[in-house]
Amino acid sequence: MAVINTIYEAIGDRRVLAFSYKGKDRTVEPYIVGYDDKSKLVLSAVQLSGGSGVGFRSFDVDALSAVEKTERRFSGTHPDYNPNDPYFARILRQV
């Protein structure tokens, strides 16, 4: 459960996360972590680098590796952020 705790801390501290996902190193601003309607644990975050460009993305938490909270902070006020994101059946932690 170390990964989820790191995600919780990053959301609470508004710190950028770095991790590997689908073979690519990525950095993201984490906004929401919770369960979708299929009970899959998902991170909703603004991707800053790596993968398929910049913007909000959903990541399967079980597929994340080498998860680290960086020293870089973010505001938590992205214009596309929806605190009531209907994708989530149950939100565990959010900005």
PDB file of N, CA and C in Angstrom:
ATOM      1  N   MET A   1       0.814  -1.210   0.000  1.00  0.00           N
ATOM      2  CA  MET A   1       0.000   0.000   0.000  1.00  0.00           C
ATOM      3  C   MET A   1       0.854   1.269   0.000  1.00  0.00           C
ATOM      4  N   ALA A   2       2.171   1.124  -0.175  1.00  0.00           N
ATOM      5  CA  ALA A   2       3.037   2.304  -0.174  1.00  0.00           C
ATOM      6  C   ALA A   2       2.689   3.247  -1.321  1.00  0.00           C
ATOM      7  N   VAL A   3       2.290   2.707  -2.460  1.00  0.00           N
ATOM      8  CA  VAL A   3       1.958   3.539  -3.624  1.00  0.00           C
ATOM      9  C   VAL A   3       0.775   4.446  -3.300  1.00  0.00           C
ATOM     10  N   ILE A   4      -0.284   3.901  -2.725  1.00  0.00           N
ATOM     11  CA  ILE A   4      -1.467   4.715  -2.434  1.00  0.00           C
ATOM     12  C   ILE A   4      -1.130   5.793  -1.409  1.00  0.00           C
ATOM     13  N   ASN A   5      -0.290   5.469  -0.432  1.00  0.00           N
ATOM     14  CA  ASN A   5       0.104   6.467   0.566  1.00  0.00           C
ATOM     15  C   ASN A   5       0.900   7.602  -0.070  1.00  0.00           C
ATOM     16  N   THR A   6       1.763   7.274  -1.018  1.00  0.00           N
ATOM     17  CA  THR A   6       2.528   8.297  -1.736  1.00  0.00           C
ATOM     18  C   THR A   6       1.587   9.191  -2.534  1.00  0.00           C
ATOM     19  N   ILE A   7       0.584   8.595  -3.172  1.00  0.00           N
ATOM     20  CA  ILE A   7      -0.406   9.370  -3.927  1.00  0.00           C
ATOM     21  C   ILE A   7      -1.188  10.273  -2.980  1.00  0.00           C
ATOM     22  N   TYR A   8      -1.634   9.725  -1.853  1.00  0.00           N
ATOM     23  CA  TYR A   8      -2.359  10.532  -0.855  1.00  0.00           C
ATOM     24  C   TYR A   8      -1.530  11.743  -0.423  1.00  0.00           C
ATOM     25  N   GLU A   9      -0.262  11.504  -0.102  1.00  0.00           N
ATOM     26  CA  GLU A   9       0.612  12.586   0.344  1.00  0.00           C
ATOM     27  C   GLU A   9       0.797  13.631  -0.749  1.00  0.00           C
ATOM     28  N   ALA A  10       0.991  13.186  -1.977  1.00  0.00           N
ATOM     29  CA  ALA A  10       1.202  14.118  -3.090  1.00  0.00           C
ATOM     30  C   ALA A  10      -0.035  14.983  -3.310  1.00  0.00           C
ATOM     31  N   ILE A  11      -1.219  14.385  -3.224  1.00  0.00           N
ATOM     32  CA  ILE A  11      -2.455  15.163  -3.377  1.00  0.00           C
ATOM     33  C   ILE A  11      -2.578  16.161  -2.237  1.00  0.00           C
ATOM     34  N   GLY A  12      -2.364  15.702  -1.013  1.00  0.00           N
ATOM     35  CA  GLY A  12      -2.490  16.571   0.155  1.00  0.00           C
ATOM     36  C   GLY A  12      -1.492  17.716   0.161  1.00  0.00           C
ATOM     37  N   ASP A  13      -0.262  17.432  -0.297  1.00  0.00           N
ATOM     38  CA  ASP A  13       0.800  18.438  -0.309  1.00  0.00           C
ATOM     39  C   ASP A  13       0.859  19.208  -1.629  1.00  0.00           C
ATOM     40  N   ARG A  14      -0.006  18.824  -2.577  1.00  0.00           N
ATOM     41  CA  ARG A  14       0.023  19.391  -3.942  1.00  0.00           C
ATOM     42  C   ARG A  14       1.433  19.328  -4.525  1.00  0.00           C
ATOM     43  N   ARG A  15       1.949  18.094  -4.570  1.00  0.00           N
ATOM     44  CA  ARG A  15       3.284  17.842  -5.122  1.00  0.00           C
ATOM     45  C   ARG A  15       3.155  16.995  -6.388  1.00  0.00           C
ATOM     46  N   VAL A  16       3.987  17.293  -7.350  1.00  0.00           N
ATOM     47  CA  VAL A  16       4.031  16.529  -8.596  1.00  0.00           C
ATOM     48  C   VAL A  16       4.524  15.113  -8.293  1.00  0.00           C
ATOM     49  N   LEU A  17       3.904  14.128  -8.957  1.00  0.00           N
ATOM     50  CA  LEU A  17       4.326  12.729  -8.862  1.00  0.00           C
ATOM     51  C   LEU A  17       5.136  12.353 -10.097  1.00  0.00           C
ATOM     52  N   ALA A  18       6.120  11.507  -9.891  1.00  0.00           N
ATOM     53  CA  ALA A  18       6.870  10.897 -10.984  1.00  0.00           C
ATOM     54  C   ALA A  18       6.666   9.389 -10.878  1.00  0.00           C
ATOM     55  N   PHE A  19       6.445   8.720 -12.012  1.00  0.00           N
ATOM     56  CA  PHE A  19       6.281   7.273 -12.003  1.00  0.00           C
ATOM     57  C   PHE A  19       6.480   6.713 -13.400  1.00  0.00           C
ATOM     58  N   SER A  20       6.533   5.396 -13.459  1.00  0.00           N
ATOM     59  CA  SER A  20       6.595   4.693 -14.736  1.00  0.00           C
ATOM     60  C   SER A  20       5.227   4.056 -14.973  1.00  0.00           C
ATOM     61  N   TYR A  21       4.739   4.179 -16.222  1.00  0.00           N
ATOM     62  CA  TYR A  21       3.415   3.641 -16.582  1.00  0.00           C
ATOM     63  C   TYR A  21       3.453   3.246 -18.046  1.00  0.00           C
ATOM     64  N   LYS A  22       3.108   1.994 -18.307  1.00  0.00           N
ATOM     65  CA  LYS A  22       3.104   1.463 -19.677  1.00  0.00           C
ATOM     66  C   LYS A  22       4.438   1.724 -20.382  1.00  0.00           C
ATOM     67  N   GLY A  23       5.518   1.508 -19.637  1.00  0.00           N
ATOM     68  CA  GLY A  23       6.850   1.601 -20.207  1.00  0.00           C
ATOM     69  C   GLY A  23       7.396   3.000 -20.403  1.00  0.00           C
ATOM     70  N   LYS A  24       6.689   4.018 -19.906  1.00  0.00           N
ATOM     71  CA  LYS A  24       7.153   5.394 -20.070  1.00  0.00           C
ATOM     72  C   LYS A  24       7.244   6.084 -18.709  1.00  0.00           C
ATOM     73  N   ASP A  25       8.295   6.896 -18.541  1.00  0.00           N
ATOM     74  CA  ASP A  25       8.420   7.714 -17.344  1.00  0.00           C
ATOM     75  C   ASP A  25       7.529   8.935 -17.511  1.00  0.00           C
ATOM     76  N   ARG A  26       6.771   9.250 -16.481  1.00  0.00           N
ATOM     77  CA  ARG A  26       5.809  10.343 -16.549  1.00  0.00           C
ATOM     78  C   ARG A  26       5.906  11.214 -15.306  1.00  0.00           C
ATOM     79  N   THR A  27       5.491  12.470 -15.461  1.00  0.00           N
ATOM     80  CA  THR A  27       5.287  13.351 -14.317  1.00  0.00           C
ATOM     81  C   THR A  27       3.875  13.902 -14.430  1.00  0.00           C
ATOM     82  N   VAL A  28       3.195  13.971 -13.274  1.00  0.00           N
ATOM     83  CA  VAL A  28       1.789  14.384 -13.256  1.00  0.00           C
ATOM     84  C   VAL A  28       1.490  15.236 -12.027  1.00  0.00           C
ATOM     85  N   GLU A  29       0.439  16.048 -12.160  1.00  0.00           N
ATOM     86  CA  GLU A  29      -0.160  16.744 -11.029  1.00  0.00           C
ATOM     87  C   GLU A  29      -1.361  15.905 -10.608  1.00  0.00           C
ATOM     88  N   PRO A  30      -1.301  15.230  -9.457  1.00  0.00           N
ATOM     89  CA  PRO A  30      -2.404  14.344  -9.042  1.00  0.00           C
ATOM     90  C   PRO A  30      -3.589  15.127  -8.472  1.00  0.00           C
ATOM     91  N   TYR A  31      -4.779  14.843  -8.970  1.00  0.00           N
ATOM     92  CA  TYR A  31      -5.975  15.555  -8.509  1.00  0.00           C
ATOM     93  C   TYR A  31      -6.955  14.657  -7.750  1.00  0.00           C
ATOM     94  N   ILE A  32      -7.212  13.458  -8.263  1.00  0.00           N
ATOM     95  CA  ILE A  32      -8.185  12.552  -7.625  1.00  0.00           C
ATOM     96  C   ILE A  32      -7.642  11.126  -7.669  1.00  0.00           C
ATOM     97  N   VAL A  33      -7.847  10.394  -6.580  1.00  0.00           N
ATOM     98  CA  VAL A  33      -7.637   8.955  -6.593  1.00  0.00           C
ATOM     99  C   VAL A  33      -8.891   8.328  -6.002  1.00  0.00           C
ATOM    100  N   GLY A  34      -9.379   7.272  -6.659  1.00  0.00           N
ATOM    101  CA  GLY A  34     -10.589   6.604  -6.198  1.00  0.00           C
ATOM    102  C   GLY A  34     -10.913   5.407  -7.063  1.00  0.00           C
ATOM    103  N   TYR A  35     -12.102   4.885  -6.864  1.00  0.00           N
ATOM    104  CA  TYR A  35     -12.536   3.684  -7.587  1.00  0.00           C
ATOM    105  C   TYR A  35     -13.522   4.048  -8.684  1.00  0.00           C
ATOM    106  N   ASP A  36     -13.343   3.398  -9.846  1.00  0.00           N
ATOM    107  CA  ASP A  36     -14.312   3.574 -10.926  1.00  0.00           C
ATOM    108  C   ASP A  36     -15.483   2.614 -10.708  1.00  0.00           C
ATOM    109  N   ASP A  37     -16.405   2.563 -11.652  1.00  0.00           N
ATOM    110  CA  ASP A  37     -17.598   1.721 -11.484  1.00  0.00           C
ATOM    111  C   ASP A  37     -17.304   0.227 -11.586  1.00  0.00           C
ATOM    112  N   LYS A  38     -16.073  -0.144 -11.913  1.00  0.00           N
ATOM    113  CA  LYS A  38     -15.664  -1.554 -11.958  1.00  0.00           C
ATOM    114  C   LYS A  38     -14.749  -1.893 -10.780  1.00  0.00           C
ATOM    115  N   SER A  39     -14.714  -1.012  -9.782  1.00  0.00           N
ATOM    116  CA  SER A  39     -13.903  -1.176  -8.568  1.00  0.00           C
ATOM    117  C   SER A  39     -12.403  -1.184  -8.847  1.00  0.00           C
ATOM    118  N   LYS A  40     -11.994  -0.536  -9.932  1.00  0.00           N
ATOM    119  CA  LYS A  40     -10.572  -0.390 -10.237  1.00  0.00           C
ATOM    120  C   LYS A  40     -10.083   0.915  -9.608  1.00  0.00           C
ATOM    121  N   LEU A  41      -8.933   0.845  -8.947  1.00  0.00           N
ATOM    122  CA  LEU A  41      -8.334   2.014  -8.323  1.00  0.00           C
ATOM    123  C   LEU A  41      -7.657   2.853  -9.401  1.00  0.00           C
ATOM    124  N   VAL A  42      -8.080   4.117  -9.519  1.00  0.00           N
ATOM    125  CA  VAL A  42      -7.654   4.981 -10.618  1.00  0.00           C
ATOM    126  C   VAL A  42      -7.159   6.330 -10.077  1.00  0.00           C
ATOM    127  N   LEU A  43      -6.096   6.834 -10.708  1.00  0.00           N
ATOM    128  CA  LEU A  43      -5.584   8.164 -10.432  1.00  0.00           C
ATOM    129  C   LEU A  43      -5.951   9.065 -11.604  1.00  0.00           C
ATOM    130  N   SER A  44      -6.590  10.193 -11.309  1.00  0.00           N
ATOM    131  CA  SER A  44      -6.862  11.215 -12.325  1.00  0.00           C
ATOM    132  C   SER A  44      -5.867  12.341 -12.084  1.00  0.00           C
ATOM    133  N   ALA A  45      -5.087  12.658 -13.119  1.00  0.00           N
ATOM    134  CA  ALA A  45      -3.990  13.610 -12.949  1.00  0.00           C
ATOM    135  C   ALA A  45      -3.727  14.355 -14.249  1.00  0.00           C
ATOM    136  N   VAL A  46      -3.140  15.526 -14.117  1.00  0.00           N
ATOM    137  CA  VAL A  46      -2.701  16.277 -15.293  1.00  0.00           C
ATOM    138  C   VAL A  46      -1.297  15.801 -15.635  1.00  0.00           C
ATOM    139  N   GLN A  47      -1.173  15.156 -16.795  1.00  0.00           N
ATOM    140  CA  GLN A  47       0.137  14.691 -17.240  1.00  0.00           C
ATOM    141  C   GLN A  47       0.945  15.884 -17.739  1.00  0.00           C
ATOM    142  N   LEU A  48       2.157  16.006 -17.217  1.00  0.00           N
ATOM    143  CA  LEU A  48       3.052  17.094 -17.604  1.00  0.00           C
ATOM    144  C   LEU A  48       4.082  16.642 -18.625  1.00  0.00           C
ATOM    145  N   SER A  49       4.520  15.379 -18.500  1.00  0.00           N
ATOM    146  CA  SER A  49       5.497  14.842 -19.443  1.00  0.00           C
ATOM    147  C   SER A  49       5.369  13.326 -19.511  1.00  0.00           C
ATOM    148  N   GLY A  50       5.801  12.779 -20.646  1.00  0.00           N
ATOM    149  CA  GLY A  50       5.738  11.342 -20.883  1.00  0.00           C
ATOM    150  C   GLY A  50       4.414  10.947 -21.502  1.00  0.00           C
ATOM    151  N   GLY A  51       4.365   9.773 -22.083  1.00  0.00           N
ATOM    152  CA  GLY A  51       3.104   9.259 -22.622  1.00  0.00           C
ATOM    153  C   GLY A  51       2.547  10.067 -23.778  1.00  0.00           C
ATOM    154  N   SER A  52       1.242  10.273 -23.757  1.00  0.00           N
ATOM    155  CA  SER A  52       0.522  10.833 -24.906  1.00  0.00           C
ATOM    156  C   SER A  52       0.213  12.317 -24.759  1.00  0.00           C
ATOM    157  N   GLY A  53       1.165  13.090 -24.313  1.00  0.00           N
ATOM    158  CA  GLY A  53       0.976  14.535 -24.257  1.00  0.00           C
ATOM    159  C   GLY A  53       0.509  15.055 -22.915  1.00  0.00           C
ATOM    160  N   VAL A  54       0.223  16.344 -22.899  1.00  0.00           N
ATOM    161  CA  VAL A  54      -0.130  17.065 -21.682  1.00  0.00           C
ATOM    162  C   VAL A  54      -1.649  17.122 -21.527  1.00  0.00           C
ATOM    163  N   GLY A  55      -2.135  17.030 -20.278  1.00  0.00           N
ATOM    164  CA  GLY A  55      -3.559  17.150 -19.996  1.00  0.00           C
ATOM    165  C   GLY A  55      -4.015  16.097 -19.013  1.00  0.00           C
ATOM    166  N   PHE A  56      -5.303  16.147 -18.657  1.00  0.00           N
ATOM    167  CA  PHE A  56      -5.865  15.168 -17.715  1.00  0.00           C
ATOM    168  C   PHE A  56      -5.833  13.778 -18.322  1.00  0.00           C
ATOM    169  N   ARG A  57      -5.392  12.820 -17.516  1.00  0.00           N
ATOM    170  CA  ARG A  57      -5.346  11.412 -17.900  1.00  0.00           C
ATOM    171  C   ARG A  57      -5.780  10.583 -16.701  1.00  0.00           C
ATOM    172  N   SER A  58      -6.247   9.373 -16.969  1.00  0.00           N
ATOM    173  CA  SER A  58      -6.559   8.410 -15.917  1.00  0.00           C
ATOM    174  C   SER A  58      -5.522   7.301 -15.951  1.00  0.00           C
ATOM    175  N   PHE A  59      -5.047   6.914 -14.775  1.00  0.00           N
ATOM    176  CA  PHE A  59      -4.020   5.881 -14.663  1.00  0.00           C
ATOM    177  C   PHE A  59      -4.491   4.786 -13.716  1.00  0.00           C
ATOM    178  N   ASP A  60      -4.342   3.532 -14.141  1.00  0.00           N
ATOM    179  CA  ASP A  60      -4.631   2.377 -13.299  1.00  0.00           C
ATOM    180  C   ASP A  60      -3.538   2.322 -12.233  1.00  0.00           C
ATOM    181  N   VAL A  61      -3.900   2.537 -10.984  1.00  0.00           N
ATOM    182  CA  VAL A  61      -2.910   2.605  -9.902  1.00  0.00           C
ATOM    183  C   VAL A  61      -2.112   1.310  -9.801  1.00  0.00           C
ATOM    184  N   ASP A  62      -2.733   0.165 -10.062  1.00  0.00           N
ATOM    185  CA  ASP A  62      -2.031  -1.117  -9.976  1.00  0.00           C
ATOM    186  C   ASP A  62      -0.925  -1.241 -11.028  1.00  0.00           C
ATOM    187  N   ALA A  63      -0.978  -0.432 -12.088  1.00  0.00           N
ATOM    188  CA  ALA A  63       0.019  -0.496 -13.163  1.00  0.00           C
ATOM    189  C   ALA A  63       1.138   0.532 -12.998  1.00  0.00           C
ATOM    190  N   LEU A  64       1.089   1.333 -11.929  1.00  0.00           N
ATOM    191  CA  LEU A  64       2.141   2.323 -11.683  1.00  0.00           C
ATOM    192  C   LEU A  64       3.335   1.646 -11.020  1.00  0.00           C
ATOM    193  N   SER A  65       4.535   2.101 -11.374  1.00  0.00           N
ATOM    194  CA  SER A  65       5.729   1.621 -10.679  1.00  0.00           C
ATOM    195  C   SER A  65       6.686   2.788 -10.471  1.00  0.00           C
ATOM    196  N   ALA A  66       7.616   2.605  -9.556  1.00  0.00           N
ATOM    197  CA  ALA A  66       8.612   3.621  -9.222  1.00  0.00           C
ATOM    198  C   ALA A  66       7.946   4.968  -8.915  1.00  0.00           C
ATOM    199  N   VAL A  67       6.904   4.934  -8.088  1.00  0.00           N
ATOM    200  CA  VAL A  67       6.133   6.141  -7.768  1.00  0.00           C
ATOM    201  C   VAL A  67       6.876   6.965  -6.726  1.00  0.00           C
ATOM    202  N   GLU A  68       7.119   8.245  -7.062  1.00  0.00           N
ATOM    203  CA  GLU A  68       7.822   9.135  -6.149  1.00  0.00           C
ATOM    204  C   GLU A  68       7.157  10.497  -6.122  1.00  0.00           C
ATOM    205  N   LYS A  69       7.059  11.051  -4.935  1.00  0.00           N
ATOM    206  CA  LYS A  69       6.582  12.427  -4.763  1.00  0.00           C
ATOM    207  C   LYS A  69       7.786  13.340  -4.966  1.00  0.00           C
ATOM    208  N   THR A  70       7.662  14.310  -5.870  1.00  0.00           N
ATOM    209  CA  THR A  70       8.779  15.225  -6.125  1.00  0.00           C
ATOM    210  C   THR A  70       8.685  16.443  -5.210  1.00  0.00           C
ATOM    211  N   GLU A  71       9.672  17.298  -5.280  1.00  0.00           N
ATOM    212  CA  GLU A  71       9.666  18.542  -4.508  1.00  0.00           C
ATOM    213  C   GLU A  71       8.854  19.630  -5.207  1.00  0.00           C
ATOM    214  N   ARG A  72       8.522  19.404  -6.469  1.00  0.00           N
ATOM    215  CA  ARG A  72       7.808  20.414  -7.265  1.00  0.00           C
ATOM    216  C   ARG A  72       6.343  20.497  -6.844  1.00  0.00           C
ATOM    217  N   ARG A  73       5.862  21.710  -6.611  1.00  0.00           N
ATOM    218  CA  ARG A  73       4.475  21.929  -6.188  1.00  0.00           C
ATOM    219  C   ARG A  73       3.612  22.369  -7.369  1.00  0.00           C
ATOM    220  N   PHE A  74       2.295  22.199  -7.215  1.00  0.00           N
ATOM    221  CA  PHE A  74       1.336  22.707  -8.202  1.00  0.00           C
ATOM    222  C   PHE A  74       0.181  23.361  -7.468  1.00  0.00           C
ATOM    223  N   SER A  75      -0.567  24.207  -8.170  1.00  0.00           N
ATOM    224  CA  SER A  75      -1.582  25.040  -7.516  1.00  0.00           C
ATOM    225  C   SER A  75      -2.851  24.269  -7.132  1.00  0.00           C
ATOM    226  N   GLY A  76      -3.189  23.226  -7.903  1.00  0.00           N
ATOM    227  CA  GLY A  76      -4.432  22.494  -7.634  1.00  0.00           C
ATOM    228  C   GLY A  76      -5.649  23.201  -8.188  1.00  0.00           C
ATOM    229  N   THR A  77      -5.443  24.129  -9.127  1.00  0.00           N
ATOM    230  CA  THR A  77      -6.557  24.914  -9.675  1.00  0.00           C
ATOM    231  C   THR A  77      -6.643  24.792 -11.196  1.00  0.00           C
ATOM    232  N   HIS A  78      -6.336  23.631 -11.738  1.00  0.00           N
ATOM    233  CA  HIS A  78      -6.391  23.442 -13.187  1.00  0.00           C
ATOM    234  C   HIS A  78      -7.810  23.724 -13.694  1.00  0.00           C
ATOM    235  N   PRO A  79      -7.964  24.459 -14.799  1.00  0.00           N
ATOM    236  CA  PRO A  79      -9.303  24.837 -15.281  1.00  0.00           C
ATOM    237  C   PRO A  79     -10.176  23.646 -15.693  1.00  0.00           C
ATOM    238  N   ASP A  80      -9.580  22.491 -16.008  1.00  0.00           N
ATOM    239  CA  ASP A  80     -10.363  21.313 -16.408  1.00  0.00           C
ATOM    240  C   ASP A  80     -10.704  20.390 -15.239  1.00  0.00           C
ATOM    241  N   TYR A  81     -10.281  20.750 -14.036  1.00  0.00           N
ATOM    242  CA  TYR A  81     -10.531  19.896 -12.871  1.00  0.00           C
ATOM    243  C   TYR A  81     -12.010  19.926 -12.492  1.00  0.00           C
ATOM    244  N   ASN A  82     -12.593  18.729 -12.348  1.00  0.00           N
ATOM    245  CA  ASN A  82     -13.981  18.588 -11.918  1.00  0.00           C
ATOM    246  C   ASN A  82     -13.986  17.802 -10.606  1.00  0.00           C
ATOM    247  N   PRO A  83     -14.185  18.463  -9.461  1.00  0.00           N
ATOM    248  CA  PRO A  83     -14.174  17.746  -8.188  1.00  0.00           C
ATOM    249  C   PRO A  83     -15.303  16.725  -8.059  1.00  0.00           C
ATOM    250  N   ASN A  84     -16.298  16.810  -8.923  1.00  0.00           N
ATOM    251  CA  ASN A  84     -17.405  15.847  -8.926  1.00  0.00           C
ATOM    252  C   ASN A  84     -17.346  14.951 -10.160  1.00  0.00           C
ATOM    253  N   ASP A  85     -16.139  14.596 -10.563  1.00  0.00           N
ATOM    254  CA  ASP A  85     -15.924  13.794 -11.765  1.00  0.00           C
ATOM    255  C   ASP A  85     -16.797  12.535 -11.745  1.00  0.00           C
ATOM    256  N   PRO A  86     -17.725  12.402 -12.709  1.00  0.00           N
ATOM    257  CA  PRO A  86     -18.640  11.258 -12.718  1.00  0.00           C
ATOM    258  C   PRO A  86     -17.960   9.929 -13.054  1.00  0.00           C
ATOM    259  N   TYR A  87     -16.703   9.966 -13.480  1.00  0.00           N
ATOM    260  CA  TYR A  87     -15.953   8.739 -13.770  1.00  0.00           C
ATOM    261  C   TYR A  87     -15.772   7.908 -12.502  1.00  0.00           C
ATOM    262  N   PHE A  88     -15.723   8.587 -11.360  1.00  0.00           N
ATOM    263  CA  PHE A  88     -15.444   7.893 -10.092  1.00  0.00           C
ATOM    264  C   PHE A  88     -16.717   7.481  -9.385  1.00  0.00           C
ATOM    265  N   ALA A  89     -16.788   6.204  -9.026  1.00  0.00           N
ATOM    266  CA  ALA A  89     -17.897   5.706  -8.213  1.00  0.00           C
ATOM    267  C   ALA A  89     -17.655   6.082  -6.740  1.00  0.00           C
ATOM    268  N   ARG A  90     -16.368   6.117  -6.344  1.00  0.00           N
ATOM    269  CA  ARG A  90     -16.014   6.473  -4.961  1.00  0.00           C
ATOM    270  C   ARG A  90     -14.651   7.153  -4.953  1.00  0.00           C
ATOM    271  N   ILE A  91     -14.622   8.383  -4.499  1.00  0.00           N
ATOM    272  CA  ILE A  91     -13.379   9.145  -4.408  1.00  0.00           C
ATOM    273  C   ILE A  91     -12.781   8.931  -3.022  1.00  0.00           C
ATOM    274  N   LEU A  92     -11.492   8.598  -3.000  1.00  0.00           N
ATOM    275  CA  LEU A  92     -10.790   8.382  -1.744  1.00  0.00           C
ATOM    276  C   LEU A  92     -10.084   9.642  -1.256  1.00  0.00           C
ATOM    277  N   ARG A  93      -9.466  10.354  -2.194  1.00  0.00           N
ATOM    278  CA  ARG A  93      -8.729  11.575  -1.851  1.00  0.00           C
ATOM    279  C   ARG A  93      -8.714  12.464  -3.075  1.00  0.00           C
ATOM    280  N   GLN A  94      -8.824  13.768  -2.866  1.00  0.00           N
ATOM    281  CA  GLN A  94      -8.749  14.708  -3.971  1.00  0.00           C
ATOM    282  C   GLN A  94      -8.223  16.052  -3.495  1.00  0.00           C
ATOM    283  N   VAL A  95      -7.775  16.862  -4.463  1.00  0.00           N
ATOM    284  CA  VAL A  95      -7.250  18.199  -4.160  1.00  0.00           C
ATOM    285  C   VAL A  95      -8.328  19.003  -3.486  1.00  0.00           C
TER     286      VAL A  95
END
